[in-house]
N, C-alpha and C. Protein backbone atom coordinates (compact mmCIF):
# COMPACT_ATOMS: atom_id res chain seq x y z
N CYS A 1 42.14 -93.23 101.89
CA CYS A 1 42.39 -92.01 101.13
C CYS A 1 41.59 -92.00 99.84
N GLU A 2 41.54 -93.15 99.18
CA GLU A 2 40.77 -93.24 97.93
C GLU A 2 39.30 -92.97 98.19
N ALA A 3 38.76 -93.56 99.25
CA ALA A 3 37.35 -93.35 99.58
C ALA A 3 37.08 -91.89 99.93
N ALA A 4 37.99 -91.27 100.65
CA ALA A 4 37.82 -89.86 101.02
C ALA A 4 37.86 -88.98 99.79
N ALA A 5 38.78 -89.25 98.87
CA ALA A 5 38.87 -88.45 97.64
C ALA A 5 37.60 -88.61 96.81
N ARG A 6 37.09 -89.83 96.72
CA ARG A 6 35.82 -90.02 95.98
C ARG A 6 34.68 -89.27 96.67
N PHE A 7 34.67 -89.33 98.00
CA PHE A 7 33.65 -88.59 98.75
C PHE A 7 33.74 -87.10 98.44
N HIS A 8 34.95 -86.54 98.50
CA HIS A 8 35.14 -85.11 98.22
C HIS A 8 34.65 -84.77 96.81
N LYS A 9 34.94 -85.64 95.85
CA LYS A 9 34.53 -85.37 94.47
C LYS A 9 33.02 -85.41 94.33
N LEU A 10 32.39 -86.43 94.89
CA LEU A 10 30.94 -86.54 94.79
C LEU A 10 30.23 -85.43 95.57
N ALA A 11 30.78 -85.09 96.72
CA ALA A 11 30.17 -84.04 97.55
C ALA A 11 30.28 -82.68 96.90
N ALA A 12 31.28 -82.50 96.03
CA ALA A 12 31.47 -81.20 95.36
C ALA A 12 30.27 -80.84 94.48
N ALA A 13 29.46 -81.82 94.13
CA ALA A 13 28.27 -81.55 93.32
C ALA A 13 27.17 -80.86 94.13
N THR A 14 27.29 -80.90 95.45
CA THR A 14 26.31 -80.26 96.32
C THR A 14 26.81 -78.87 96.69
N PRO A 15 26.04 -77.85 96.35
CA PRO A 15 26.49 -76.48 96.66
C PRO A 15 26.74 -76.28 98.15
N ILE A 16 27.74 -75.47 98.44
CA ILE A 16 28.05 -75.13 99.84
C ILE A 16 27.11 -74.01 100.26
N ASP A 17 26.27 -74.29 101.24
CA ASP A 17 25.31 -73.31 101.70
C ASP A 17 25.53 -72.91 103.15
N LEU A 18 26.68 -73.29 103.68
CA LEU A 18 27.03 -72.97 105.07
C LEU A 18 28.45 -72.43 105.12
N PRO A 19 28.75 -71.58 106.09
CA PRO A 19 30.15 -71.16 106.24
C PRO A 19 30.95 -72.28 106.92
N ALA A 20 32.23 -72.25 106.71
CA ALA A 20 33.10 -73.20 107.42
C ALA A 20 33.13 -72.81 108.89
N PRO A 21 33.16 -73.78 109.78
CA PRO A 21 33.27 -73.44 111.20
C PRO A 21 34.55 -72.64 111.45
N ASP A 22 34.45 -71.66 112.30
CA ASP A 22 35.61 -70.83 112.60
C ASP A 22 36.01 -71.08 114.04
N GLU A 23 37.03 -71.90 114.21
CA GLU A 23 37.50 -72.18 115.56
C GLU A 23 38.04 -70.88 116.17
N ASP A 24 37.76 -70.68 117.43
CA ASP A 24 38.24 -69.50 118.14
C ASP A 24 39.64 -69.83 118.68
N TRP A 25 40.64 -69.75 117.80
CA TRP A 25 42.00 -70.14 118.16
C TRP A 25 42.55 -69.32 119.31
N GLU A 26 42.24 -68.03 119.34
CA GLU A 26 42.75 -67.18 120.42
C GLU A 26 42.23 -67.68 121.77
N LYS A 27 40.95 -68.01 121.82
CA LYS A 27 40.35 -68.51 123.05
C LYS A 27 40.94 -69.88 123.42
N LEU A 28 41.11 -70.73 122.42
CA LEU A 28 41.68 -72.05 122.68
C LEU A 28 43.13 -71.97 123.17
N LEU A 29 43.91 -71.07 122.58
CA LEU A 29 45.29 -70.90 123.02
C LEU A 29 45.35 -70.32 124.43
N ALA A 30 44.46 -69.39 124.75
CA ALA A 30 44.39 -68.83 126.11
C ALA A 30 44.02 -69.94 127.11
N SER A 31 43.08 -70.78 126.74
CA SER A 31 42.68 -71.88 127.60
C SER A 31 43.84 -72.87 127.79
N ALA A 32 44.58 -73.12 126.71
CA ALA A 32 45.75 -74.01 126.82
C ALA A 32 46.76 -73.43 127.81
N ARG A 33 47.02 -72.13 127.70
CA ARG A 33 47.97 -71.49 128.63
C ARG A 33 47.46 -71.58 130.07
N ASP A 34 46.16 -71.38 130.28
CA ASP A 34 45.58 -71.48 131.61
C ASP A 34 45.74 -72.88 132.20
N HIS A 35 45.47 -73.90 131.38
CA HIS A 35 45.62 -75.27 131.86
C HIS A 35 47.07 -75.58 132.23
N VAL A 36 47.99 -75.09 131.43
CA VAL A 36 49.41 -75.35 131.67
C VAL A 36 49.88 -74.69 132.96
N ARG A 37 49.24 -73.62 133.38
CA ARG A 37 49.63 -72.93 134.62
C ARG A 37 49.24 -73.71 135.88
N GLU A 38 48.33 -74.68 135.73
CA GLU A 38 47.89 -75.45 136.89
C GLU A 38 49.07 -76.27 137.42
N PRO A 39 49.29 -76.23 138.73
CA PRO A 39 50.47 -76.92 139.31
C PRO A 39 50.55 -78.41 138.99
N SER A 40 49.41 -79.05 138.81
CA SER A 40 49.43 -80.50 138.57
C SER A 40 49.55 -80.86 137.08
N PHE A 41 49.67 -79.86 136.23
CA PHE A 41 49.73 -80.16 134.79
C PHE A 41 51.02 -80.90 134.47
N PRO A 42 50.93 -82.05 133.77
CA PRO A 42 52.14 -82.81 133.44
C PRO A 42 53.08 -82.03 132.52
N GLU A 43 54.36 -82.10 132.80
CA GLU A 43 55.38 -81.43 131.99
C GLU A 43 55.08 -79.94 131.82
N ARG A 44 54.65 -79.36 132.92
CA ARG A 44 54.22 -77.97 132.94
C ARG A 44 55.24 -76.99 132.36
N GLY A 45 56.48 -77.09 132.77
CA GLY A 45 57.52 -76.18 132.30
C GLY A 45 57.76 -76.32 130.80
N ARG A 46 57.78 -77.55 130.34
CA ARG A 46 58.01 -77.81 128.90
C ARG A 46 56.87 -77.24 128.06
N TRP A 47 55.64 -77.48 128.51
CA TRP A 47 54.48 -76.95 127.78
C TRP A 47 54.46 -75.42 127.80
N SER A 48 54.77 -74.86 128.95
CA SER A 48 54.78 -73.40 129.08
C SER A 48 55.78 -72.78 128.11
N ALA A 49 56.96 -73.35 128.03
CA ALA A 49 57.98 -72.84 127.12
C ALA A 49 57.55 -73.01 125.66
N ALA A 50 56.94 -74.13 125.35
CA ALA A 50 56.50 -74.39 123.98
C ALA A 50 55.40 -73.41 123.58
N LEU A 51 54.46 -73.16 124.48
CA LEU A 51 53.37 -72.22 124.17
C LEU A 51 53.90 -70.79 124.06
N LYS A 52 54.87 -70.45 124.88
CA LYS A 52 55.47 -69.12 124.80
C LYS A 52 56.16 -68.94 123.44
N GLU A 53 56.87 -69.94 123.00
CA GLU A 53 57.55 -69.89 121.69
C GLU A 53 56.52 -69.85 120.55
N PHE A 54 55.46 -70.64 120.68
CA PHE A 54 54.44 -70.67 119.62
C PHE A 54 53.69 -69.34 119.54
N ALA A 55 53.57 -68.64 120.65
CA ALA A 55 52.86 -67.35 120.66
C ALA A 55 53.47 -66.38 119.65
N LYS A 56 54.77 -66.52 119.38
CA LYS A 56 55.44 -65.64 118.41
C LYS A 56 54.96 -65.91 116.98
N LYS A 57 54.44 -67.11 116.74
CA LYS A 57 54.03 -67.52 115.40
C LYS A 57 52.53 -67.74 115.27
N SER A 58 51.83 -67.69 116.36
CA SER A 58 50.42 -68.10 116.33
C SER A 58 49.56 -67.21 115.44
N ASP A 59 49.81 -65.90 115.43
CA ASP A 59 49.00 -65.02 114.58
C ASP A 59 49.11 -65.41 113.11
N LYS A 60 50.32 -65.73 112.68
CA LYS A 60 50.53 -66.13 111.29
C LYS A 60 49.81 -67.44 110.99
N ALA A 61 49.91 -68.40 111.90
CA ALA A 61 49.24 -69.69 111.71
C ALA A 61 47.73 -69.52 111.67
N VAL A 62 47.18 -68.73 112.59
CA VAL A 62 45.74 -68.49 112.62
C VAL A 62 45.29 -67.80 111.33
N ASP A 63 46.02 -66.80 110.91
CA ASP A 63 45.67 -66.07 109.69
C ASP A 63 45.71 -67.00 108.48
N ARG A 64 46.74 -67.80 108.38
CA ARG A 64 46.85 -68.74 107.25
C ARG A 64 45.66 -69.70 107.26
N TRP A 65 45.31 -70.20 108.45
CA TRP A 65 44.20 -71.15 108.54
C TRP A 65 42.87 -70.48 108.18
N ARG A 66 42.65 -69.29 108.67
CA ARG A 66 41.37 -68.61 108.40
C ARG A 66 41.18 -68.29 106.92
N HIS A 67 42.27 -68.16 106.18
CA HIS A 67 42.17 -67.82 104.76
C HIS A 67 42.41 -69.03 103.86
N ARG A 68 42.15 -70.22 104.40
CA ARG A 68 42.35 -71.44 103.64
C ARG A 68 41.37 -71.54 102.47
N ALA A 69 41.82 -72.21 101.44
CA ALA A 69 40.98 -72.49 100.28
C ALA A 69 41.63 -73.65 99.54
N PRO A 70 40.90 -74.43 98.83
CA PRO A 70 39.46 -74.34 98.57
C PRO A 70 38.67 -75.01 99.69
N LEU A 71 37.48 -74.52 99.91
CA LEU A 71 36.59 -75.14 100.87
C LEU A 71 35.63 -76.07 100.14
N GLY A 72 35.24 -77.11 100.81
CA GLY A 72 34.30 -78.07 100.25
C GLY A 72 33.70 -78.87 101.38
N TRP A 73 32.95 -79.88 101.01
CA TRP A 73 32.38 -80.78 102.02
C TRP A 73 33.45 -81.79 102.43
N ILE A 74 33.62 -81.97 103.73
CA ILE A 74 34.57 -82.96 104.23
C ILE A 74 33.83 -83.97 105.09
N HIS A 75 34.41 -85.13 105.26
CA HIS A 75 33.79 -86.19 106.06
C HIS A 75 33.78 -85.80 107.53
N GLY A 76 34.89 -85.29 108.04
CA GLY A 76 34.96 -84.79 109.41
C GLY A 76 35.30 -85.83 110.46
N ASP A 77 35.24 -87.11 110.11
CA ASP A 77 35.53 -88.18 111.08
C ASP A 77 36.21 -89.34 110.35
N LEU A 78 37.24 -89.00 109.60
CA LEU A 78 37.91 -89.97 108.74
C LEU A 78 38.86 -90.85 109.53
N HIS A 79 38.53 -92.13 109.59
CA HIS A 79 39.41 -93.13 110.20
C HIS A 79 38.97 -94.51 109.70
N PRO A 80 39.82 -95.50 109.86
CA PRO A 80 39.53 -96.81 109.27
C PRO A 80 38.19 -97.44 109.66
N ALA A 81 37.72 -97.18 110.87
CA ALA A 81 36.45 -97.77 111.28
C ALA A 81 35.26 -97.14 110.56
N ASN A 82 35.48 -96.03 109.88
CA ASN A 82 34.41 -95.39 109.11
C ASN A 82 34.55 -95.66 107.61
N ALA A 83 35.28 -96.69 107.26
CA ALA A 83 35.39 -97.13 105.87
C ALA A 83 35.02 -98.61 105.82
N MET A 84 34.16 -98.94 104.87
CA MET A 84 33.73 -100.34 104.74
C MET A 84 33.88 -100.79 103.29
N SER A 85 34.09 -102.08 103.14
CA SER A 85 34.20 -102.67 101.82
C SER A 85 33.64 -104.08 101.86
N ARG A 86 33.13 -104.53 100.72
CA ARG A 86 32.63 -105.91 100.63
C ARG A 86 33.75 -106.89 100.29
N VAL A 87 34.91 -106.33 99.95
CA VAL A 87 36.06 -107.16 99.58
C VAL A 87 37.28 -106.66 100.33
N ALA A 88 38.36 -107.41 100.27
CA ALA A 88 39.61 -106.98 100.89
C ALA A 88 40.05 -105.65 100.29
N THR A 89 40.68 -104.82 101.09
CA THR A 89 41.03 -103.47 100.63
C THR A 89 41.89 -103.46 99.39
N ASP A 90 42.69 -104.48 99.17
CA ASP A 90 43.51 -104.50 97.96
C ASP A 90 42.77 -105.11 96.76
N HIS A 91 41.50 -105.46 96.94
CA HIS A 91 40.72 -106.06 95.86
C HIS A 91 39.55 -105.20 95.40
N GLY A 92 39.37 -104.08 96.01
CA GLY A 92 38.25 -103.23 95.61
C GLY A 92 38.11 -102.02 96.49
N PRO A 93 37.25 -101.11 96.09
CA PRO A 93 37.11 -99.85 96.81
C PRO A 93 36.34 -99.98 98.12
N ALA A 94 36.64 -99.05 98.99
CA ALA A 94 35.89 -98.92 100.24
C ALA A 94 34.97 -97.72 100.09
N CYS A 95 33.97 -97.65 100.93
CA CYS A 95 33.12 -96.46 100.97
C CYS A 95 33.08 -95.96 102.40
N LEU A 96 32.83 -94.69 102.54
CA LEU A 96 32.80 -94.08 103.87
C LEU A 96 31.41 -94.20 104.47
N ILE A 97 31.37 -94.45 105.76
CA ILE A 97 30.12 -94.49 106.51
C ILE A 97 30.20 -93.46 107.63
N ASP A 98 29.15 -93.38 108.43
CA ASP A 98 29.06 -92.45 109.56
C ASP A 98 29.29 -91.02 109.09
N LEU A 99 28.26 -90.47 108.47
CA LEU A 99 28.35 -89.14 107.89
C LEU A 99 27.87 -88.04 108.85
N ALA A 100 27.83 -88.35 110.13
CA ALA A 100 27.31 -87.39 111.12
C ALA A 100 28.16 -86.13 111.24
N GLU A 101 29.45 -86.20 110.90
CA GLU A 101 30.33 -85.05 111.05
C GLU A 101 30.62 -84.34 109.73
N VAL A 102 29.89 -84.67 108.68
CA VAL A 102 30.10 -84.00 107.39
C VAL A 102 29.84 -82.51 107.57
N ARG A 103 30.75 -81.71 107.04
CA ARG A 103 30.64 -80.26 107.18
C ARG A 103 31.51 -79.58 106.14
N VAL A 104 31.40 -78.28 106.08
CA VAL A 104 32.24 -77.49 105.19
C VAL A 104 33.61 -77.37 105.84
N GLY A 105 34.64 -77.52 105.03
CA GLY A 105 36.00 -77.39 105.53
C GLY A 105 36.99 -77.52 104.40
N HIS A 106 38.23 -77.62 104.74
CA HIS A 106 39.30 -77.83 103.77
C HIS A 106 39.64 -79.31 103.78
N TRP A 107 39.88 -79.88 102.60
CA TRP A 107 40.11 -81.31 102.49
C TRP A 107 41.21 -81.83 103.41
N LEU A 108 42.20 -81.00 103.69
CA LEU A 108 43.29 -81.52 104.51
C LEU A 108 42.87 -81.74 105.96
N GLU A 109 41.72 -81.19 106.37
CA GLU A 109 41.22 -81.47 107.71
C GLU A 109 40.94 -82.95 107.88
N ASP A 110 40.41 -83.59 106.83
CA ASP A 110 40.17 -85.03 106.91
C ASP A 110 41.49 -85.78 107.09
N ALA A 111 42.49 -85.42 106.29
CA ALA A 111 43.78 -86.11 106.37
C ALA A 111 44.45 -85.88 107.72
N ILE A 112 44.43 -84.66 108.20
CA ILE A 112 45.11 -84.36 109.48
C ILE A 112 44.35 -84.96 110.65
N TYR A 113 43.04 -85.07 110.54
CA TYR A 113 42.27 -85.74 111.59
C TYR A 113 42.74 -87.19 111.71
N LEU A 114 42.84 -87.88 110.57
CA LEU A 114 43.32 -89.26 110.58
C LEU A 114 44.74 -89.34 111.12
N GLU A 115 45.57 -88.45 110.65
CA GLU A 115 46.96 -88.41 111.11
C GLU A 115 47.03 -88.17 112.62
N ARG A 116 46.24 -87.24 113.09
CA ARG A 116 46.28 -86.85 114.51
C ARG A 116 45.87 -88.00 115.43
N LEU A 117 44.93 -88.82 114.96
CA LEU A 117 44.54 -89.98 115.76
C LEU A 117 45.72 -90.92 116.00
N HIS A 118 46.70 -90.84 115.11
CA HIS A 118 47.85 -91.73 115.19
C HIS A 118 49.12 -91.02 115.67
N TRP A 119 49.03 -89.78 116.10
CA TRP A 119 50.22 -89.09 116.60
C TRP A 119 50.94 -89.90 117.68
N PRO A 120 50.22 -90.51 118.62
CA PRO A 120 50.94 -91.27 119.66
C PRO A 120 51.60 -92.55 119.13
N ARG A 121 51.06 -93.13 118.04
CA ARG A 121 51.58 -94.39 117.50
C ARG A 121 51.64 -94.33 115.97
N PRO A 122 52.52 -93.48 115.42
CA PRO A 122 52.57 -93.30 113.97
C PRO A 122 52.92 -94.57 113.19
N GLU A 123 53.55 -95.52 113.85
CA GLU A 123 53.90 -96.77 113.16
C GLU A 123 52.67 -97.57 112.74
N ARG A 124 51.52 -97.25 113.28
CA ARG A 124 50.28 -97.94 112.91
C ARG A 124 49.74 -97.50 111.56
N LEU A 125 50.27 -96.42 111.04
CA LEU A 125 49.83 -95.93 109.74
C LEU A 125 50.64 -96.58 108.63
N ALA A 126 49.94 -97.02 107.59
CA ALA A 126 50.62 -97.63 106.45
C ALA A 126 51.14 -96.56 105.48
N CYS A 127 50.62 -95.35 105.61
CA CYS A 127 51.03 -94.26 104.72
C CYS A 127 50.93 -92.95 105.48
N LYS A 128 51.38 -91.88 104.85
CA LYS A 128 51.22 -90.55 105.42
C LYS A 128 49.89 -90.01 104.91
N PRO A 129 48.91 -89.84 105.80
CA PRO A 129 47.56 -89.48 105.35
C PRO A 129 47.48 -88.24 104.47
N LEU A 130 48.23 -87.21 104.78
CA LEU A 130 48.13 -85.98 104.00
C LEU A 130 48.60 -86.21 102.57
N LYS A 131 49.76 -86.81 102.43
CA LYS A 131 50.29 -87.09 101.09
C LYS A 131 49.39 -88.08 100.35
N CYS A 132 48.93 -89.09 101.04
CA CYS A 132 48.07 -90.10 100.45
C CYS A 132 46.77 -89.49 99.93
N LEU A 133 46.14 -88.64 100.74
CA LEU A 133 44.88 -88.03 100.31
C LEU A 133 45.12 -87.02 99.20
N ALA A 134 46.21 -86.29 99.25
CA ALA A 134 46.52 -85.34 98.17
C ALA A 134 46.68 -86.08 96.85
N GLU A 135 47.40 -87.20 96.86
CA GLU A 135 47.58 -87.98 95.64
C GLU A 135 46.27 -88.56 95.15
N ALA A 136 45.44 -89.05 96.07
CA ALA A 136 44.13 -89.60 95.69
C ALA A 136 43.24 -88.51 95.10
N ARG A 137 43.29 -87.32 95.66
CA ARG A 137 42.50 -86.20 95.12
C ARG A 137 42.96 -85.84 93.71
N LYS A 138 44.26 -85.84 93.49
CA LYS A 138 44.78 -85.54 92.15
C LYS A 138 44.29 -86.57 91.15
N ARG A 139 44.28 -87.85 91.54
CA ARG A 139 43.78 -88.89 90.64
C ARG A 139 42.30 -88.70 90.32
N GLU A 140 41.57 -88.09 91.24
CA GLU A 140 40.14 -87.81 91.02
C GLU A 140 39.92 -86.49 90.28
N GLY A 141 41.01 -85.80 89.96
CA GLY A 141 40.90 -84.53 89.26
C GLY A 141 40.55 -83.36 90.16
N LEU A 142 40.79 -83.51 91.45
CA LEU A 142 40.49 -82.45 92.42
C LEU A 142 41.74 -81.64 92.71
N GLU A 143 41.56 -80.40 93.01
CA GLU A 143 42.70 -79.53 93.31
C GLU A 143 43.21 -79.79 94.72
N THR A 144 44.51 -79.59 94.89
CA THR A 144 45.12 -79.73 96.21
C THR A 144 45.80 -78.43 96.63
N GLY A 145 46.22 -77.62 95.68
CA GLY A 145 46.89 -76.37 96.00
C GLY A 145 48.21 -76.61 96.71
N ASP A 146 48.76 -75.54 97.23
CA ASP A 146 50.01 -75.60 97.99
C ASP A 146 49.63 -75.92 99.44
N TYR A 147 49.41 -77.18 99.71
CA TYR A 147 48.83 -77.58 100.98
C TYR A 147 49.82 -77.71 102.14
N ALA A 148 51.11 -77.83 101.86
CA ALA A 148 52.08 -78.07 102.94
C ALA A 148 52.11 -76.95 103.99
N PRO A 149 52.17 -75.66 103.60
CA PRO A 149 52.18 -74.61 104.64
C PRO A 149 50.86 -74.56 105.44
N LEU A 150 49.77 -74.84 104.76
CA LEU A 150 48.48 -74.84 105.45
C LEU A 150 48.40 -76.01 106.43
N ALA A 151 48.90 -77.15 106.01
CA ALA A 151 48.92 -78.32 106.90
C ALA A 151 49.81 -78.05 108.12
N ALA A 152 50.93 -77.41 107.91
CA ALA A 152 51.83 -77.09 109.03
C ALA A 152 51.13 -76.16 110.03
N ALA A 153 50.38 -75.19 109.52
CA ALA A 153 49.65 -74.27 110.40
C ALA A 153 48.59 -75.03 111.20
N ARG A 154 47.84 -75.91 110.52
CA ARG A 154 46.79 -76.68 111.20
C ARG A 154 47.39 -77.60 112.27
N ARG A 155 48.45 -78.29 111.93
CA ARG A 155 49.09 -79.18 112.90
C ARG A 155 49.58 -78.40 114.12
N ALA A 156 50.22 -77.26 113.88
CA ALA A 156 50.74 -76.44 114.98
C ALA A 156 49.61 -75.95 115.88
N LEU A 157 48.53 -75.49 115.28
CA LEU A 157 47.40 -75.00 116.07
C LEU A 157 46.78 -76.13 116.90
N LEU A 158 46.61 -77.28 116.29
CA LEU A 158 46.04 -78.41 117.03
C LEU A 158 46.96 -78.84 118.17
N ALA A 159 48.25 -78.90 117.92
CA ALA A 159 49.19 -79.32 118.96
C ALA A 159 49.23 -78.30 120.09
N ALA A 160 49.27 -77.02 119.73
CA ALA A 160 49.38 -75.98 120.76
C ALA A 160 48.14 -75.88 121.62
N THR A 161 46.99 -76.21 121.07
CA THR A 161 45.74 -76.10 121.85
C THR A 161 45.40 -77.40 122.59
N ALA A 162 46.20 -78.44 122.45
CA ALA A 162 45.91 -79.71 123.12
C ALA A 162 45.66 -79.55 124.62
N PRO A 163 46.46 -78.75 125.34
CA PRO A 163 46.18 -78.62 126.78
C PRO A 163 44.80 -78.05 127.11
N ALA A 164 44.20 -77.33 126.18
CA ALA A 164 42.87 -76.77 126.42
C ALA A 164 41.82 -77.87 126.57
N PHE A 165 42.12 -79.05 126.10
CA PHE A 165 41.14 -80.13 126.11
C PHE A 165 41.41 -81.16 127.19
N THR A 166 42.35 -80.85 128.08
CA THR A 166 42.64 -81.74 129.19
C THR A 166 41.77 -81.38 130.39
N THR A 167 41.52 -82.35 131.21
CA THR A 167 40.79 -82.10 132.45
C THR A 167 41.72 -82.40 133.61
N GLN A 168 41.71 -81.55 134.57
CA GLN A 168 42.56 -81.73 135.74
C GLN A 168 41.69 -81.86 136.96
């Protein structure tokens, strides 16, 4: 989190000359529903009911996400294997490597990406990535805004579209 916050602060010196990627949530949600309709889809009934319930809220989540701010440069692939240090983590700072996914986005995308990698095994995380990165950003003098509702929208959209990325 400390390395990501330092990255965000240093990257803020570079003007944003690109728009943030705009995920086609409607298309992804439609694809998720299509995948869930396949007879061999695991827990088909449960997923179908969950997607039907989420459909009542999806427009609000998509709208909230599309109007997110502040935008800045994000790492895009934040996880422990992309942080290196010459000393033990409790003895000095780490720096981020593998900058291939750097792009314009909202800072919480980095935190939720890390969190999402651990959704199946949350006990492997030593902290809550979103809270940890928000606190690290504050220490760096960066704004965090009212990030909880935005994070909830992002998490819901990612969870609801998960079936779109399955192969049957």
